[in-house]
Protein backbone atom coordinates (compact mmCIF):
# COMPACT_ATOMS: atom_id res chain seq x y z
CA MET A 1 -19.50 -12.27 7.40
CA ILE A 2 -16.93 -9.54 7.03
CA LYS A 3 -16.90 -5.99 8.37
CA LEU A 4 -14.33 -3.71 6.74
CA HIS A 5 -13.16 -0.91 9.01
CA LYS A 6 -11.58 2.19 7.47
CA LEU A 7 -9.32 4.09 9.84
CA ASP A 8 -7.70 7.46 9.30
CA GLY A 9 -4.02 6.50 9.47
CA TYR A 10 -0.99 8.75 9.77
CA ILE A 11 -0.94 9.59 6.06
CA GLN A 12 -3.08 6.81 4.53
CA THR A 13 -6.32 4.91 4.92
CA ILE A 14 -5.99 1.82 7.12
CA LEU A 15 -8.20 -1.16 6.24
CA LEU A 16 -8.95 -3.78 8.87
CA ALA A 17 -11.23 -6.68 7.95
CA GLU A 18 -13.12 -8.07 10.95
CA TYR A 19 -14.37 -11.65 11.11
CA ALA A 20 -15.97 -13.53 13.98
CA ASP A 21 -12.73 -15.28 14.89
CA LYS A 22 -9.90 -13.28 13.27
CA LEU A 23 -8.74 -9.95 11.87
CA LEU A 24 -6.96 -9.12 8.62
CA LEU A 25 -4.92 -5.96 8.11
CA LEU A 26 -4.89 -5.19 4.41
CA ASP A 27 -1.60 -3.32 4.47
CA GLY A 28 1.44 -2.82 6.69
CA CYS A 29 0.66 0.85 7.49
CA SER A 30 3.30 3.21 8.85
CA ARG A 31 5.30 2.84 12.07
CA ALA A 32 3.29 5.76 13.42
CA ASP A 33 0.07 3.74 13.15
CA VAL A 34 0.95 0.98 15.62
CA ALA A 35 -0.65 2.67 18.63
CA LEU A 36 -3.80 3.48 16.66
CA ILE A 37 -4.24 -0.12 15.49
CA LYS A 38 -3.67 -1.47 18.99
CA HIS A 39 -6.18 0.97 20.46
CA PHE A 40 -8.80 0.20 17.82
CA ILE A 41 -8.55 -3.58 18.27
CA ASN A 42 -8.47 -3.46 22.08
CA ASP A 43 -10.72 -0.52 22.93
CA THR A 44 -13.10 -0.18 19.99
CA LEU A 45 -13.55 -3.78 18.89
CA HIS A 46 -12.90 -5.11 22.44
CA ARG A 47 -10.82 -7.95 21.04
CA PRO A 48 -7.39 -9.28 21.95
CA LEU A 49 -4.46 -8.26 19.78
CA THR A 50 -3.86 -11.93 19.05
CA ASP A 51 -7.00 -11.91 16.89
CA LEU A 52 -4.92 -10.11 14.27
CA THR A 53 -3.77 -13.14 12.29
CA LEU A 54 -2.52 -11.74 8.98
CA ILE A 55 -1.00 -8.56 7.59
CA VAL A 56 -0.51 -8.13 3.84
CA VAL A 57 2.34 -5.78 2.86
CA THR A 58 1.37 -4.52 -0.58
CA HIS A 59 4.82 -2.96 -1.13
CA MET A 60 7.74 -1.75 0.97
CA HIS A 61 7.10 2.00 1.20
CA PRO A 62 6.97 3.49 4.73
CA ASP A 63 3.18 3.88 4.84
CA HIS A 64 2.59 0.31 3.64
CA ALA A 65 5.25 -1.72 5.45
CA GLY A 66 6.29 0.43 8.41
CA ALA A 67 4.17 -1.21 11.09
CA ALA A 68 4.30 -4.81 9.89
CA ASN A 69 7.32 -6.14 11.76
CA LYS A 70 6.35 -4.36 14.98
CA LEU A 71 2.78 -5.67 14.86
CA ARG A 72 3.99 -9.23 14.15
CA LYS A 73 6.18 -9.02 17.25
CA ILE A 74 3.28 -7.71 19.37
CA THR A 75 0.45 -9.95 18.11
CA GLY A 76 2.14 -13.07 16.74
CA CYS A 77 0.41 -12.55 13.39
CA LYS A 78 1.77 -13.67 10.03
CA ILE A 79 2.93 -11.38 7.20
CA ALA A 80 2.29 -11.95 3.51
CA CYS A 81 3.77 -10.09 0.56
CA ALA A 82 4.37 -10.55 -3.16
CA ASN A 83 6.51 -13.45 -4.33
CA VAL A 84 9.36 -11.37 -5.70
CA VAL A 85 13.02 -12.32 -5.28
CA GLY A 86 15.20 -10.04 -3.15
CA GLN A 87 14.59 -6.98 -1.03
CA TRP A 88 13.18 -3.78 -2.53
CA TYR A 89 15.65 -1.61 -0.64
CA SER A 90 18.75 -3.67 -1.50
CA GLY A 91 22.29 -2.38 -1.82
CA PHE A 92 23.66 1.10 -1.18
CA ASP A 93 21.20 2.74 -3.58
CA GLY A 94 18.36 0.96 -1.83
CA LYS A 95 19.41 2.32 1.57
CA LEU A 96 19.45 5.83 0.14
CA MET A 97 16.02 5.28 -1.39
CA HIS A 98 14.70 4.01 1.94
CA ILE A 99 15.82 7.20 3.66
CA THR A 100 14.40 9.31 0.84
CA ASP A 101 11.05 7.56 1.14
CA LEU A 102 10.99 8.20 4.87
CA LEU A 103 11.66 11.88 4.21
CA LEU A 104 8.85 11.94 1.66
CA THR A 105 6.54 10.40 4.24
CA ARG A 106 7.53 13.13 6.69
CA TYR A 107 6.86 15.76 4.03
CA VAL A 108 3.36 14.37 3.35
CA ALA A 109 2.65 14.23 7.09
CA ASN A 110 3.68 17.87 7.44
CA LYS A 111 1.43 18.82 4.50
CA LYS A 112 -1.45 17.04 6.25
CA LYS A 113 -0.52 18.83 9.51
CA ARG A 114 0.13 15.58 11.31
CA PRO A 115 2.19 15.64 14.55
CA GLN A 116 5.75 14.38 14.50
CA ARG A 117 5.90 10.61 14.96
CA TRP A 118 8.57 7.91 14.90
CA LEU A 119 8.63 6.53 11.34
CA TRP A 120 11.76 4.42 11.15
CA TYR A 121 11.29 0.75 10.20
CA SER A 122 13.49 -1.98 8.82
CA SER A 123 14.23 -1.73 5.11
CA THR A 124 14.07 -5.54 4.88
CA LEU A 125 11.12 -7.88 5.32
CA THR A 126 11.02 -11.63 5.88
CA PRO A 127 7.45 -12.69 5.13
CA ASP A 128 5.71 -15.81 6.39
CA TYR A 129 3.90 -16.19 3.04
CA LYS A 130 4.76 -15.16 -0.50
CA LEU A 131 1.85 -14.55 -2.85
CA ASP A 132 1.65 -15.03 -6.58
CA ASP A 133 -0.93 -13.39 -8.82
CA GLY A 134 -4.34 -14.95 -8.17
CA ASP A 135 -3.44 -16.58 -4.85
CA SER A 136 -5.95 -16.62 -2.02
CA LEU A 137 -4.81 -14.98 1.21
CA PRO A 138 -3.84 -17.66 3.76
CA GLY A 139 -6.72 -18.09 6.15
CA PHE A 140 -8.83 -15.55 4.24
CA GLU A 141 -9.87 -17.37 1.08
CA ASP A 142 -12.49 -14.74 0.24
CA TRP A 143 -9.60 -12.39 -0.62
CA GLN A 144 -7.44 -12.77 -3.74
CA ALA A 145 -4.02 -11.25 -4.26
CA LEU A 146 -3.48 -9.47 -7.58
CA ALA A 147 -0.02 -8.58 -8.90
CA THR A 148 -0.24 -4.88 -9.88
CA GLN A 149 3.39 -3.89 -10.32
CA GLY A 150 4.66 -0.60 -11.68
CA HIS A 151 4.86 1.71 -8.66
CA THR A 152 7.50 -0.81 -7.48
CA ASP A 153 8.41 -4.33 -8.57
CA ARG A 154 6.21 -6.02 -5.96
CA ASP A 155 2.91 -4.19 -5.68
CA LEU A 156 -0.19 -6.12 -4.72
CA SER A 157 -3.86 -5.27 -4.88
CA LEU A 158 -6.38 -7.22 -2.81
CA HIS A 159 -9.70 -8.32 -4.28
CA HIS A 160 -12.57 -9.23 -1.96
CA LEU A 161 -14.39 -11.62 -4.24
CA PRO A 162 -17.85 -11.81 -2.58
CA SER A 163 -18.29 -8.01 -2.56
CA ASN A 164 -16.19 -7.28 -5.69
CA ILE A 165 -14.29 -4.52 -3.86
CA ILE A 166 -10.60 -4.08 -4.60
CA TYR A 167 -8.00 -2.41 -2.41
CA VAL A 168 -5.44 -1.05 -4.90
CA ALA A 169 -2.95 0.52 -2.43
CA ASP A 170 -0.96 3.13 -4.40
CA LEU A 171 -1.97 2.12 -7.90
CA ILE A 172 -4.00 5.33 -8.13
CA VAL A 173 -3.95 8.40 -5.91
CA THR A 174 -6.38 11.26 -5.72
CA THR A 175 -5.69 14.99 -5.60
CA ARG A 176 -7.79 18.12 -5.91
CA LYS A 177 -7.34 17.79 -9.66
CA GLY A 178 -8.68 14.24 -9.72
CA PHE A 179 -7.18 10.76 -10.05
CA ILE A 180 -3.53 10.45 -11.02
CA PRO A 181 -0.73 7.86 -11.13
CA PRO A 182 1.46 7.60 -8.03
CA PHE A 183 5.05 8.72 -7.58
CA PRO A 184 7.39 7.00 -8.18
CA ILE A 185 6.72 4.68 -11.11
CA PHE A 186 9.72 2.46 -11.71
CA TYR A 187 8.14 0.23 -14.34
CA PRO A 188 5.84 2.28 -16.59
CA GLN A 189 4.70 -0.57 -18.87
CA ARG A 190 3.93 -2.82 -15.91
CA TYR A 191 2.02 0.09 -14.39
CA ARG A 192 -0.11 0.56 -17.46
CA ASN A 193 -0.83 -3.18 -17.61
CA SER A 194 -1.81 -3.19 -13.92
CA LEU A 195 -4.14 -0.25 -14.38
CA MET A 196 -5.91 -1.95 -17.30
CA LYS A 197 -6.07 -5.19 -15.32
CA ILE A 198 -8.01 -3.52 -12.52
CA ALA A 199 -10.23 -1.63 -14.93
CA LYS A 200 -11.23 -4.88 -16.66
CA LEU A 201 -12.43 -6.39 -13.37
CA GLU A 202 -15.25 -3.81 -13.21
CA ALA A 203 -15.21 -3.72 -9.42
CA LYS A 204 -18.17 -2.46 -7.46
CA SER A 205 -15.70 0.04 -5.93
CA ILE A 206 -12.00 0.39 -5.37
CA ILE A 207 -10.24 1.58 -2.24
CA LEU A 208 -7.20 3.82 -2.49
CA ALA A 209 -4.59 4.07 0.24
CA HIS A 210 -4.66 7.80 -0.45
CA GLY A 211 -8.23 8.69 -1.30
CA GLY A 212 -10.47 6.10 0.33
CA GLU A 213 -13.27 4.18 -1.36
CA VAL A 214 -14.20 5.48 -4.80
CA ASN A 215 -16.02 4.49 -7.98
CA LEU A 216 -13.97 5.03 -11.13
CA SER A 217 -15.67 5.08 -14.50
CA GLN A 218 -13.99 3.65 -17.56
CA GLN A 219 -13.33 7.19 -18.69
CA GLU A 220 -11.57 8.03 -15.41
CA PHE A 221 -9.39 4.92 -15.73
CA GLU A 222 -8.47 6.08 -19.23
CA GLN A 223 -7.63 9.55 -17.92
CA VAL A 224 -5.24 8.06 -15.36
CA LEU A 225 -3.74 5.91 -18.11
CA ALA A 226 -3.26 9.00 -20.27
CA LYS A 227 -1.31 10.65 -17.43
CA ALA A 228 0.88 7.59 -16.84
CA PRO A 229 4.53 8.07 -17.81
CA THR A 230 6.10 6.12 -20.64
CA GLU A 231 9.55 6.28 -19.00
CA PRO A 232 10.48 5.55 -15.38
CA MET A 233 9.54 8.37 -13.01
CA THR A 234 11.85 7.82 -10.04
CA HIS A 235 13.58 9.74 -7.26
CA TRP A 236 16.91 9.96 -9.06
CA ARG A 237 15.39 11.02 -12.38
CA SER A 238 13.40 13.74 -10.58
CA VAL A 239 16.56 15.05 -8.91
CA LYS A 240 18.40 15.13 -12.23
CA ALA A 241 15.52 16.97 -13.86
CA LYS A 242 15.55 19.58 -11.06
CA PHE A 243 19.30 20.10 -11.51
CA LYS A 244 18.82 20.60 -15.25
CA GLN A 245 16.21 23.24 -14.59
CA ILE A 246 18.51 25.05 -12.16
CA LEU A 247 21.43 24.98 -14.59
CA ARG A 248 19.47 26.41 -17.51
């Protein structure tokens, strides 16, 4: 039996799957979430930290990978991520993007009126397991990894097969105006394919990293698809667009 705990993380929903003999963290969270996760496992679940056996990093953004390396060091757990060659934040441009993403995380935290926390984490990740589309999670065969690229080149969604619930990370976000695509989207066609892939699974519910557990109708999926860009929507393109507006 599985019990899926939903915690209010620094800027995102944290999902921790509890089993009789082990724990699964569905994403790498932010560096600011380490203390919360430790407290929840020790003081709420009354379990040792070593019961955390696997963390899946769905992609390398600060609120999805920031706590992974630290928690592996503390608990001895393993880390899994998508089987994609290279590091997301590679090269000089990658380092700049890493810093920009940390600043965006700080901006979101400020908007949510969160206290200042240490957010820095390594821009590189050496996983213990690399997952292809359709792979079962090591040690958690009731979960299936789904490649849902577009937001980045290595996005994963996680499908709990017995309950037909899917954690889609940043594939969709919710605002006061409804469901929308995330920012950035580096690969628009991959994103559109990923969105349709999840829609076709007809999940009982989906869980958003930014929005919690929701039920999306086919019409709502189509509305998100209609809002999806047809060209890359990235940090650099946004900066260039802002400059053009200023210079007009």
